[in-house]
């Protein structure tokens, strides 16, 4: 999976690769065509439940779709909040490692 693409771009590519219409996929996912269109345009965020349905429908790892979705949220938030996004991500990576270690030591 191409993690550079947004969640919406990823879903659209999966749909187009199977030559399916928005309506066909939306019907299978039990959501409105408009909602799926907005998800593909990244103007609407999917629920965790919908990410699960999408992964099952397209037979792709739920983990990959979740990573794509969460990385969109992080990147968008950091990018629009400041001018030093790359540095923030480097510190955040170190902080995640620290917090995992801290959490493990509390067990």
C-alpha atoms as a PDB file:
ATOM      1  CA  UNK A   1       0.000   0.000   0.000  1.00  0.00           C
ATOM      2  CA  UNK A   2       1.255   3.479  -0.855  1.00  0.00           C
ATOM      3  CA  UNK A   3       1.349   5.329   2.458  1.00  0.00           C
ATOM      4  CA  UNK A   4       2.009   8.654   0.713  1.00  0.00           C
ATOM      5  CA  UNK A   5      -1.555   8.743  -0.562  1.00  0.00           C
ATOM      6  CA  UNK A   6      -4.309  10.063   1.648  1.00  0.00           C
ATOM      7  CA  UNK A   7      -6.957   7.733   3.016  1.00  0.00           C
ATOM      8  CA  UNK A   8      -9.464   9.049   0.482  1.00  0.00           C
ATOM      9  CA  UNK A   9      -7.057   8.616  -2.430  1.00  0.00           C
ATOM     10  CA  UNK A  10      -6.352   5.076  -1.251  1.00  0.00           C
ATOM     11  CA  UNK A  11     -10.050   4.146  -1.114  1.00  0.00           C
ATOM     12  CA  UNK A  12     -10.682   5.706  -4.518  1.00  0.00           C
ATOM     13  CA  UNK A  13      -7.777   3.785  -6.058  1.00  0.00           C
ATOM     14  CA  UNK A  14      -8.986   0.519  -4.516  1.00  0.00           C
ATOM     15  CA  UNK A  15     -12.449   1.155  -5.962  1.00  0.00           C
ATOM     16  CA  UNK A  16     -11.189   2.166  -9.396  1.00  0.00           C
ATOM     17  CA  UNK A  17      -8.760  -0.769  -9.568  1.00  0.00           C
ATOM     18  CA  UNK A  18     -11.797  -3.068  -9.254  1.00  0.00           C
ATOM     19  CA  UNK A  19     -13.695  -0.964 -11.797  1.00  0.00           C
ATOM     20  CA  UNK A  20     -16.530  -0.298  -9.349  1.00  0.00           C
ATOM     21  CA  UNK A  21     -18.778   2.742  -9.112  1.00  0.00           C
ATOM     22  CA  UNK A  22     -19.254   4.836  -5.993  1.00  0.00           C
ATOM     23  CA  UNK A  23     -22.812   3.528  -5.803  1.00  0.00           C
ATOM     24  CA  UNK A  24     -21.756  -0.141  -5.966  1.00  0.00           C
ATOM     25  CA  UNK A  25     -19.190   0.234  -3.182  1.00  0.00           C
ATOM     26  CA  UNK A  26     -21.423   2.431  -1.024  1.00  0.00           C
ATOM     27  CA  UNK A  27     -24.199  -0.143  -1.249  1.00  0.00           C
ATOM     28  CA  UNK A  28     -21.850  -2.932  -0.124  1.00  0.00           C
ATOM     29  CA  UNK A  29     -20.570  -0.796   2.757  1.00  0.00           C
ATOM     30  CA  UNK A  30     -24.138   0.199   3.685  1.00  0.00           C
ATOM     31  CA  UNK A  31     -23.408   3.931   3.474  1.00  0.00           C
ATOM     32  CA  UNK A  32     -24.621   6.689   1.191  1.00  0.00           C
ATOM     33  CA  UNK A  33     -22.929   7.361  -2.128  1.00  0.00           C
ATOM     34  CA  UNK A  34     -22.453  10.973  -1.053  1.00  0.00           C
ATOM     35  CA  UNK A  35     -20.657   9.895   2.109  1.00  0.00           C
ATOM     36  CA  UNK A  36     -18.291   7.640   0.168  1.00  0.00           C
ATOM     37  CA  UNK A  37     -17.610  10.442  -2.302  1.00  0.00           C
ATOM     38  CA  UNK A  38     -16.744  12.789   0.557  1.00  0.00           C
ATOM     39  CA  UNK A  39     -14.449  10.163   2.096  1.00  0.00           C
ATOM     40  CA  UNK A  40     -12.672   9.769  -1.252  1.00  0.00           C
ATOM     41  CA  UNK A  41     -12.239  13.558  -1.422  1.00  0.00           C
ATOM     42  CA  UNK A  42     -10.931  13.597   2.173  1.00  0.00           C
ATOM     43  CA  UNK A  43     -13.707  15.936   3.264  1.00  0.00           C
ATOM     44  CA  UNK A  44     -15.294  13.338   5.544  1.00  0.00           C
ATOM     45  CA  UNK A  45     -13.519  11.023   7.981  1.00  0.00           C
ATOM     46  CA  UNK A  46     -14.469   7.350   8.290  1.00  0.00           C
ATOM     47  CA  UNK A  47     -15.314   5.671  11.567  1.00  0.00           C
ATOM     48  CA  UNK A  48     -13.199   2.788  12.842  1.00  0.00           C
ATOM     49  CA  UNK A  49     -16.100   0.497  11.955  1.00  0.00           C
ATOM     50  CA  UNK A  50     -16.143   1.801   8.380  1.00  0.00           C
ATOM     51  CA  UNK A  51     -12.380   1.325   8.048  1.00  0.00           C
ATOM     52  CA  UNK A  52     -12.950  -2.318   9.052  1.00  0.00           C
ATOM     53  CA  UNK A  53     -15.720  -2.707   6.442  1.00  0.00           C
ATOM     54  CA  UNK A  54     -13.569  -1.130   3.721  1.00  0.00           C
ATOM     55  CA  UNK A  55     -10.622  -3.394   4.520  1.00  0.00           C
ATOM     56  CA  UNK A  56     -12.816  -6.498   4.377  1.00  0.00           C
ATOM     57  CA  UNK A  57     -14.571  -5.415   1.193  1.00  0.00           C
ATOM     58  CA  UNK A  58     -11.331  -4.699  -0.680  1.00  0.00           C
ATOM     59  CA  UNK A  59      -9.399  -7.491   1.061  1.00  0.00           C
ATOM     60  CA  UNK A  60      -6.608  -5.216   2.290  1.00  0.00           C
ATOM     61  CA  UNK A  61      -5.063  -5.211   5.769  1.00  0.00           C
ATOM     62  CA  UNK A  62      -7.071  -3.142   8.234  1.00  0.00           C
ATOM     63  CA  UNK A  63      -3.770  -2.132   9.821  1.00  0.00           C
ATOM     64  CA  UNK A  64      -2.639  -0.493   6.559  1.00  0.00           C
ATOM     65  CA  UNK A  65      -5.879   1.472   6.191  1.00  0.00           C
ATOM     66  CA  UNK A  66      -5.737   2.533   9.831  1.00  0.00           C
ATOM     67  CA  UNK A  67      -2.139   3.696   9.459  1.00  0.00           C
ATOM     68  CA  UNK A  68      -3.102   5.659   6.359  1.00  0.00           C
ATOM     69  CA  UNK A  69      -6.040   7.280   8.158  1.00  0.00           C
ATOM     70  CA  UNK A  70      -4.140   8.136  11.349  1.00  0.00           C
ATOM     71  CA  UNK A  71      -1.080   9.411   9.506  1.00  0.00           C
ATOM     72  CA  UNK A  72      -3.364  11.755   7.528  1.00  0.00           C
ATOM     73  CA  UNK A  73      -4.725  13.155  10.782  1.00  0.00           C
ATOM     74  CA  UNK A  74      -1.277  13.640  12.314  1.00  0.00           C
ATOM     75  CA  UNK A  75       0.299  15.111   9.176  1.00  0.00           C
ATOM     76  CA  UNK A  76      -2.589  17.486   8.535  1.00  0.00           C
ATOM     77  CA  UNK A  77      -2.677  18.705  12.119  1.00  0.00           C
ATOM     78  CA  UNK A  78       1.063  19.276  12.321  1.00  0.00           C
ATOM     79  CA  UNK A  79       1.385  20.775   8.846  1.00  0.00           C
ATOM     80  CA  UNK A  80      -1.291  23.412   9.363  1.00  0.00           C
ATOM     81  CA  UNK A  81      -0.401  24.250  12.941  1.00  0.00           C
ATOM     82  CA  UNK A  82       3.240  25.230  12.456  1.00  0.00           C
ATOM     83  CA  UNK A  83       6.185  25.650  10.136  1.00  0.00           C
ATOM     84  CA  UNK A  84       8.380  22.934  11.652  1.00  0.00           C
ATOM     85  CA  UNK A  85       6.393  19.776  11.032  1.00  0.00           C
ATOM     86  CA  UNK A  86       9.410  17.569  10.328  1.00  0.00           C
ATOM     87  CA  UNK A  87      11.036  18.422  13.646  1.00  0.00           C
ATOM     88  CA  UNK A  88       7.779  17.822  15.500  1.00  0.00           C
ATOM     89  CA  UNK A  89       7.487  14.370  13.926  1.00  0.00           C
ATOM     90  CA  UNK A  90      11.051  13.461  14.929  1.00  0.00           C
ATOM     91  CA  UNK A  91      10.398  14.456  18.532  1.00  0.00           C
ATOM     92  CA  UNK A  92       7.024  12.686  18.501  1.00  0.00           C
ATOM     93  CA  UNK A  93       8.680   9.468  17.317  1.00  0.00           C
ATOM     94  CA  UNK A  94      11.121   9.618  20.234  1.00  0.00           C
ATOM     95  CA  UNK A  95       8.278  10.434  22.594  1.00  0.00           C
ATOM     96  CA  UNK A  96       6.252   7.428  21.431  1.00  0.00           C
ATOM     97  CA  UNK A  97       9.237   5.158  22.113  1.00  0.00           C
ATOM     98  CA  UNK A  98       9.668   6.735  25.552  1.00  0.00           C
ATOM     99  CA  UNK A  99       5.986   6.385  26.433  1.00  0.00           C
ATOM    100  CA  UNK A 100       5.940   2.738  25.286  1.00  0.00           C
ATOM    101  CA  UNK A 101       8.911   2.018  27.549  1.00  0.00           C
ATOM    102  CA  UNK A 102       7.272   3.861  30.420  1.00  0.00           C
ATOM    103  CA  UNK A 103       4.000   1.976  29.910  1.00  0.00           C
ATOM    104  CA  UNK A 104       5.816  -1.377  29.773  1.00  0.00           C
ATOM    105  CA  UNK A 105       7.628  -0.645  33.031  1.00  0.00           C
ATOM    106  CA  UNK A 106       4.311   0.001  34.813  1.00  0.00           C
ATOM    107  CA  UNK A 107       3.063  -3.517  34.071  1.00  0.00           C
END
